[in-house]
Each structure stands twice: as C-alpha cells, then as structure tokens.
Amino acid sequence: MSTRIILIGPPGAGKGTQAARLSEALQIPAISTGDIFRANVKGETELGRTAKRYMDAGEYVPDEVTNSMVADRLAKDDAAEGFLLDGYPRTAAQVAELDAMLEAKGATLDHVVELTADTDEVVGRLLARASLQGRSDDTEDVIRHRLDVYAEQTQPLTELYAERGLLRQVDGLGDVDAITDRILAVIGR
C-alpha cells in the first residue's frame, strides 16, 4: 500500500523525530530538506555554501534549488511506493511543483499532517538543541524570525491542503510515543 505524506509544522515542532518514527512504522523513506541542506553545508558543496547563507539568516533556500533537489530524491527507487516529506513544500510555488512531480508519476498525496506547537515551547526546544548540536542557524533571534517566516509563508499551505481534504492536525507537544500514535490514528494506520 503506497503512502505519500507531507509532515508540516513550525521549526522545532518535532517533525524530524516523528518523520523517523513514521518512516519506520510505515516502511517509507523520510525525506528531509533540512537534513539534505545541512549535509551539503557540512560537506561545503556549492549548494551547501548557498544554502548556509540563507539558513544562517533564518531564510528559506530558494525554490529552484529546493525543487530540483526534491525531484531528484523522489525519483529514487525507495520512494516509488511512498514517502514522507519533512520541510517541503513550504510555499505555494513549491506545492504547485510537487503537484506536477506527482502528476507526472500518476501519483497523489494521501495526507498532510500538521504538527501544532506553542511558540515559546518551540523556541525553548530549538535553543536547547542549538546548545547540544552547535547549530549556527539556531540563535533566539533567528529562531523567532524563522517562526515569523513560517507563519507568513508556510502556514497558509495548511488552508490549501484543508480545502483538498488532506490536512490532519496533531498536537506536537507531549510524549513522543503518544504523538506518533496520534499521527498514525489520524492517517488511519
């Protein structure tokens, strides 16, 4: 059974943690644009240097770079029968691009799961993660800017997916196992 899911929510809502758990439970690859960007930054690739400039400023990497990277990843064999996207799409233009990618394969999305979380809780989580991981993109000012950018650019996508009947909202705070169980319940698994 194919399963194509988008996991959406503000930075720090626990998408990465839940993506890994859902990937294992559903036997589909979790595809995180953030992880791909960070790997390129660490490897000091041309894409990584470009992405780092945007990430350090709390901005999103331009659509054309992100779209081609996602298209390449979705073309891999392990994504043929399903996937979980974490961090993509983030803009209406990316939604249109993803729709075109899926349409070209005769595929559709099954669910868009939005993890919801309190802003102050998210800031606290990201500051704690920054100190543990030494992440240059996670200062308090940058975190709050990223949350503002999320609200302005990405959150409206939830309305679009709600209109399509695909949106499932799940409280992203609390026990990790309970959150995973809530997600699996709302997608009928």
C-alpha atoms as a PDB file:
ATOM      1  CA  MET A   1       0.000   0.000   0.000  1.00  0.00           C
ATOM      2  CA  SER A   2       1.555   3.293  -1.052  1.00  0.00           C
ATOM      3  CA  THR A   3       1.612   6.146   1.398  1.00  0.00           C
ATOM      4  CA  ARG A   4       2.608   9.688   0.448  1.00  0.00           C
ATOM      5  CA  ILE A   5       2.641  12.102   3.374  1.00  0.00           C
ATOM      6  CA  ILE A   6       3.753  15.649   3.988  1.00  0.00           C
ATOM      7  CA  LEU A   7       4.684  16.486   7.573  1.00  0.00           C
ATOM      8  CA  ILE A   8       4.310  20.214   8.197  1.00  0.00           C
ATOM      9  CA  GLY A   9       4.675  22.436  11.234  1.00  0.00           C
ATOM     10  CA  PRO A  10       6.807  25.191  12.683  1.00  0.00           C
ATOM     11  CA  PRO A  11      10.541  24.699  13.196  1.00  0.00           C
ATOM     12  CA  GLY A  12      11.053  22.793  16.446  1.00  0.00           C
ATOM     13  CA  ALA A  13       7.625  21.125  16.453  1.00  0.00           C
ATOM     14  CA  GLY A  14       9.216  17.679  16.372  1.00  0.00           C
ATOM     15  CA  LYS A  15       8.895  16.927  12.657  1.00  0.00           C
ATOM     16  CA  GLY A  16      12.309  15.265  12.407  1.00  0.00           C
ATOM     17  CA  THR A  17      11.661  12.969  15.345  1.00  0.00           C
ATOM     18  CA  GLN A  18       8.221  11.998  14.099  1.00  0.00           C
ATOM     19  CA  ALA A  19       9.399  11.620  10.492  1.00  0.00           C
ATOM     20  CA  ALA A  20      11.950   8.993  11.560  1.00  0.00           C
ATOM     21  CA  ARG A  21       9.386   7.108  13.616  1.00  0.00           C
ATOM     22  CA  LEU A  22       6.738   7.221  10.883  1.00  0.00           C
ATOM     23  CA  SER A  23       9.263   6.173   8.247  1.00  0.00           C
ATOM     24  CA  GLU A  24       9.969   3.031  10.250  1.00  0.00           C
ATOM     25  CA  ALA A  25       6.318   2.331  11.102  1.00  0.00           C
ATOM     26  CA  LEU A  26       5.093   2.825   7.519  1.00  0.00           C
ATOM     27  CA  GLN A  27       8.213   1.448   5.754  1.00  0.00           C
ATOM     28  CA  ILE A  28       8.642   4.570   3.600  1.00  0.00           C
ATOM     29  CA  PRO A  29      11.636   6.920   3.339  1.00  0.00           C
ATOM     30  CA  ALA A  30      11.565  10.147   5.343  1.00  0.00           C
ATOM     31  CA  ILE A  31      12.886  12.894   3.105  1.00  0.00           C
ATOM     32  CA  SER A  32      14.045  15.997   4.987  1.00  0.00           C
ATOM     33  CA  THR A  33      15.186  19.031   3.047  1.00  0.00           C
ATOM     34  CA  GLY A  34      16.788  20.366   6.229  1.00  0.00           C
ATOM     35  CA  ASP A  35      18.961  17.256   6.576  1.00  0.00           C
ATOM     36  CA  ILE A  36      19.981  17.462   2.923  1.00  0.00           C
ATOM     37  CA  PHE A  37      20.878  21.156   3.306  1.00  0.00           C
ATOM     38  CA  ARG A  38      22.896  20.507   6.485  1.00  0.00           C
ATOM     39  CA  ALA A  39      24.788  17.627   4.831  1.00  0.00           C
ATOM     40  CA  ASN A  40      25.704  19.947   1.950  1.00  0.00           C
ATOM     41  CA  VAL A  41      26.761  22.693   4.368  1.00  0.00           C
ATOM     42  CA  LYS A  42      28.954  20.231   6.285  1.00  0.00           C
ATOM     43  CA  GLY A  43      30.415  18.948   3.004  1.00  0.00           C
ATOM     44  CA  GLU A  44      30.998  22.552   1.876  1.00  0.00           C
ATOM     45  CA  THR A  45      29.425  21.872  -1.520  1.00  0.00           C
ATOM     46  CA  GLU A  46      28.358  24.763  -3.738  1.00  0.00           C
ATOM     47  CA  LEU A  47      24.741  24.081  -2.779  1.00  0.00           C
ATOM     48  CA  GLY A  48      25.809  23.948   0.865  1.00  0.00           C
ATOM     49  CA  ARG A  49      27.505  27.343   0.734  1.00  0.00           C
ATOM     50  CA  THR A  50      24.433  28.867  -0.943  1.00  0.00           C
ATOM     51  CA  ALA A  51      22.052  27.184   1.497  1.00  0.00           C
ATOM     52  CA  LYS A  52      24.164  28.243   4.514  1.00  0.00           C
ATOM     53  CA  ARG A  53      23.834  31.930   3.654  1.00  0.00           C
ATOM     54  CA  TYR A  54      20.042  31.629   3.728  1.00  0.00           C
ATOM     55  CA  MET A  55      19.914  29.298   6.727  1.00  0.00           C
ATOM     56  CA  ASP A  56      22.189  31.498   8.845  1.00  0.00           C
ATOM     57  CA  ALA A  57      19.868  34.439   8.170  1.00  0.00           C
ATOM     58  CA  GLY A  58      16.807  32.346   9.069  1.00  0.00           C
ATOM     59  CA  GLU A  59      15.538  32.474   5.478  1.00  0.00           C
ATOM     60  CA  TYR A  60      14.399  29.641   3.255  1.00  0.00           C
ATOM     61  CA  VAL A  61      16.635  28.318   0.498  1.00  0.00           C
ATOM     62  CA  PRO A  62      15.291  29.471  -2.925  1.00  0.00           C
ATOM     63  CA  ASP A  63      12.588  27.305  -4.526  1.00  0.00           C
ATOM     64  CA  GLU A  64      14.533  26.394  -7.655  1.00  0.00           C
ATOM     65  CA  VAL A  65      17.345  24.829  -5.598  1.00  0.00           C
ATOM     66  CA  THR A  66      14.937  23.038  -3.281  1.00  0.00           C
ATOM     67  CA  ASN A  67      12.587  21.837  -6.048  1.00  0.00           C
ATOM     68  CA  SER A  68      15.312  20.196  -8.104  1.00  0.00           C
ATOM     69  CA  MET A  69      16.769  18.552  -5.010  1.00  0.00           C
ATOM     70  CA  VAL A  70      13.360  17.119  -4.021  1.00  0.00           C
ATOM     71  CA  ALA A  71      12.612  15.960  -7.585  1.00  0.00           C
ATOM     72  CA  ASP A  72      15.937  14.093  -7.666  1.00  0.00           C
ATOM     73  CA  ARG A  73      15.193  12.459  -4.315  1.00  0.00           C
ATOM     74  CA  LEU A  74      11.625  11.418  -5.236  1.00  0.00           C
ATOM     75  CA  ALA A  75      12.981   9.782  -8.407  1.00  0.00           C
ATOM     76  CA  LYS A  76      14.937   7.242  -6.324  1.00  0.00           C
ATOM     77  CA  ASP A  77      13.595   3.677  -6.203  1.00  0.00           C
ATOM     78  CA  ASP A  78      12.886   3.673  -2.445  1.00  0.00           C
ATOM     79  CA  ALA A  79      10.325   6.497  -2.896  1.00  0.00           C
ATOM     80  CA  ALA A  80       8.377   4.766  -5.677  1.00  0.00           C
ATOM     81  CA  GLU A  81       5.777   3.314  -3.318  1.00  0.00           C
ATOM     82  CA  GLY A  82       5.603   6.202  -0.895  1.00  0.00           C
ATOM     83  CA  PHE A  83       7.468   8.756   1.131  1.00  0.00           C
ATOM     84  CA  LEU A  84       7.215  11.224   3.956  1.00  0.00           C
ATOM     85  CA  LEU A  85       8.312  14.773   3.145  1.00  0.00           C
ATOM     86  CA  ASP A  86       9.595  16.841   6.071  1.00  0.00           C
ATOM     87  CA  GLY A  87      10.265  20.518   5.327  1.00  0.00           C
ATOM     88  CA  TYR A  88       8.790  20.549   1.819  1.00  0.00           C
ATOM     89  CA  PRO A  89       6.734  22.143   0.398  1.00  0.00           C
ATOM     90  CA  ARG A  90       6.989  25.468   2.224  1.00  0.00           C
ATOM     91  CA  THR A  91       5.471  27.842  -0.350  1.00  0.00           C
ATOM     92  CA  ALA A  92       2.530  27.832  -2.762  1.00  0.00           C
ATOM     93  CA  ALA A  93       5.028  27.633  -5.646  1.00  0.00           C
ATOM     94  CA  GLN A  94       6.563  24.501  -4.110  1.00  0.00           C
ATOM     95  CA  VAL A  95       3.077  22.985  -3.712  1.00  0.00           C
ATOM     96  CA  ALA A  96       2.490  23.500  -7.437  1.00  0.00           C
ATOM     97  CA  GLU A  97       5.882  21.969  -8.238  1.00  0.00           C
ATOM     98  CA  LEU A  98       5.202  18.939  -6.018  1.00  0.00           C
ATOM     99  CA  ASP A  99       1.753  18.521  -7.619  1.00  0.00           C
ATOM    100  CA  ALA A 100       3.435  18.478 -11.044  1.00  0.00           C
ATOM    101  CA  MET A 101       6.085  15.957  -9.889  1.00  0.00           C
ATOM    102  CA  LEU A 102       3.412  13.607  -8.551  1.00  0.00           C
ATOM    103  CA  GLU A 103       1.098  14.072 -11.537  1.00  0.00           C
ATOM    104  CA  ALA A 104       3.954  13.115 -13.877  1.00  0.00           C
ATOM    105  CA  LYS A 105       4.143   9.786 -11.989  1.00  0.00           C
ATOM    106  CA  GLY A 106       0.377   9.309 -11.836  1.00  0.00           C
ATOM    107  CA  ALA A 107       0.552   9.672  -8.048  1.00  0.00           C
ATOM    108  CA  THR A 108      -1.212  11.809  -5.452  1.00  0.00           C
ATOM    109  CA  LEU A 109      -0.676  12.815  -1.839  1.00  0.00           C
ATOM    110  CA  ASP A 110      -2.508  10.807   0.804  1.00  0.00           C
ATOM    111  CA  HIS A 111      -2.179  13.035   3.872  1.00  0.00           C
ATOM    112  CA  VAL A 112      -0.753  16.319   5.075  1.00  0.00           C
ATOM    113  CA  VAL A 113      -0.080  16.089   8.808  1.00  0.00           C
ATOM    114  CA  GLU A 114       0.408  19.393  10.619  1.00  0.00           C
ATOM    115  CA  LEU A 115       2.163  19.228  13.984  1.00  0.00           C
ATOM    116  CA  THR A 116       0.992  22.147  16.077  1.00  0.00           C
ATOM    117  CA  ALA A 117       3.089  23.601  18.915  1.00  0.00           C
ATOM    118  CA  ASP A 118       3.216  26.614  21.236  1.00  0.00           C
ATOM    119  CA  THR A 119       5.713  29.266  20.072  1.00  0.00           C
ATOM    120  CA  ASP A 120       7.532  29.664  23.408  1.00  0.00           C
ATOM    121  CA  GLU A 121       7.838  25.872  23.754  1.00  0.00           C
ATOM    122  CA  VAL A 122       9.321  25.695  20.237  1.00  0.00           C
ATOM    123  CA  VAL A 123      11.833  28.469  20.985  1.00  0.00           C
ATOM    124  CA  GLY A 124      12.927  26.637  24.138  1.00  0.00           C
ATOM    125  CA  ARG A 125      13.314  23.347  22.242  1.00  0.00           C
ATOM    126  CA  LEU A 126      15.383  24.941  19.482  1.00  0.00           C
ATOM    127  CA  LEU A 127      17.647  26.831  21.897  1.00  0.00           C
ATOM    128  CA  ALA A 128      18.296  23.580  23.781  1.00  0.00           C
ATOM    129  CA  ARG A 129      19.040  21.770  20.505  1.00  0.00           C
ATOM    130  CA  ALA A 130      21.380  24.580  19.404  1.00  0.00           C
ATOM    131  CA  SER A 131      23.464  24.286  22.568  1.00  0.00           C
ATOM    132  CA  LEU A 132      23.689  20.486  22.223  1.00  0.00           C
ATOM    133  CA  GLN A 133      24.437  20.419  18.497  1.00  0.00           C
ATOM    134  CA  GLY A 134      26.252  23.730  17.993  1.00  0.00           C
ATOM    135  CA  ARG A 135      23.904  24.702  15.182  1.00  0.00           C
ATOM    136  CA  SER A 136      24.718  28.165  13.837  1.00  0.00           C
ATOM    137  CA  ASP A 137      21.188  28.610  12.471  1.00  0.00           C
ATOM    138  CA  ASP A 138      19.548  28.363  15.915  1.00  0.00           C
ATOM    139  CA  THR A 139      20.064  31.654  17.820  1.00  0.00           C
ATOM    140  CA  GLU A 140      16.959  33.047  19.559  1.00  0.00           C
ATOM    141  CA  ASP A 141      16.589  35.963  17.110  1.00  0.00           C
ATOM    142  CA  VAL A 142      16.947  33.650  14.105  1.00  0.00           C
ATOM    143  CA  ILE A 143      14.521  31.131  15.634  1.00  0.00           C
ATOM    144  CA  ARG A 144      11.867  33.797  16.191  1.00  0.00           C
ATOM    145  CA  HIS A 145      12.440  35.107  12.661  1.00  0.00           C
ATOM    146  CA  ARG A 146      12.063  31.557  11.267  1.00  0.00           C
ATOM    147  CA  LEU A 147       8.774  31.200  13.148  1.00  0.00           C
ATOM    148  CA  ASP A 148       7.550  34.508  11.687  1.00  0.00           C
ATOM    149  CA  VAL A 149       8.580  33.397   8.193  1.00  0.00           C
ATOM    150  CA  TYR A 150       6.802  30.076   8.791  1.00  0.00           C
ATOM    151  CA  ALA A 151       3.592  31.807   9.839  1.00  0.00           C
ATOM    152  CA  GLU A 152       3.717  34.173   6.867  1.00  0.00           C
ATOM    153  CA  GLN A 153       4.736  31.786   4.082  1.00  0.00           C
ATOM    154  CA  THR A 154       4.083  28.204   5.106  1.00  0.00           C
ATOM    155  CA  GLN A 155       1.088  28.146   7.389  1.00  0.00           C
ATOM    156  CA  PRO A 156      -1.258  29.302   4.575  1.00  0.00           C
ATOM    157  CA  LEU A 157      -0.461  25.985   2.868  1.00  0.00           C
ATOM    158  CA  THR A 158      -2.444  24.271   5.587  1.00  0.00           C
ATOM    159  CA  GLU A 159      -5.534  26.108   4.339  1.00  0.00           C
ATOM    160  CA  LEU A 160      -4.875  24.896   0.791  1.00  0.00           C
ATOM    161  CA  TYR A 161      -4.462  21.291   1.915  1.00  0.00           C
ATOM    162  CA  ALA A 162      -7.510  21.571   4.198  1.00  0.00           C
ATOM    163  CA  GLU A 163      -9.565  22.629   1.161  1.00  0.00           C
ATOM    164  CA  ARG A 164      -8.331  19.472  -0.624  1.00  0.00           C
ATOM    165  CA  GLY A 165      -9.412  17.352   2.360  1.00  0.00           C
ATOM    166  CA  LEU A 166      -5.842  16.199   3.056  1.00  0.00           C
ATOM    167  CA  LEU A 167      -4.977  18.122   6.253  1.00  0.00           C
ATOM    168  CA  ARG A 168      -4.760  16.266   9.572  1.00  0.00           C
ATOM    169  CA  GLN A 169      -3.794  18.407  12.597  1.00  0.00           C
ATOM    170  CA  VAL A 170      -1.986  16.750  15.506  1.00  0.00           C
ATOM    171  CA  ASP A 171      -0.753  18.273  18.773  1.00  0.00           C
ATOM    172  CA  GLY A 172       3.049  18.096  18.535  1.00  0.00           C
ATOM    173  CA  LEU A 173       3.662  18.550  22.271  1.00  0.00           C
ATOM    174  CA  GLY A 174       3.910  15.805  24.834  1.00  0.00           C
ATOM    175  CA  ASP A 175       5.218  12.246  24.955  1.00  0.00           C
ATOM    176  CA  VAL A 176       6.943  11.222  21.708  1.00  0.00           C
ATOM    177  CA  ASP A 177       5.187   7.818  21.578  1.00  0.00           C
ATOM    178  CA  ALA A 178       1.791   9.437  22.156  1.00  0.00           C
ATOM    179  CA  ILE A 179       2.412  11.921  19.320  1.00  0.00           C
ATOM    180  CA  THR A 180       3.360   9.077  16.954  1.00  0.00           C
ATOM    181  CA  ASP A 181       0.217   7.188  17.966  1.00  0.00           C
ATOM    182  CA  ARG A 182      -1.922  10.297  17.344  1.00  0.00           C
ATOM    183  CA  ILE A 183      -0.433  10.700  13.861  1.00  0.00           C
ATOM    184  CA  LEU A 184      -0.930   7.040  12.948  1.00  0.00           C
ATOM    185  CA  ALA A 185      -4.524   7.272  14.173  1.00  0.00           C
ATOM    186  CA  VAL A 186      -5.380  10.338  12.065  1.00  0.00           C
ATOM    187  CA  ILE A 187      -3.964   8.742   8.913  1.00  0.00           C
ATOM    188  CA  GLY A 188      -5.854   5.517   9.596  1.00  0.00           C
ATOM    189  CA  ARG A 189      -2.841   3.268  10.275  1.00  0.00           C
END
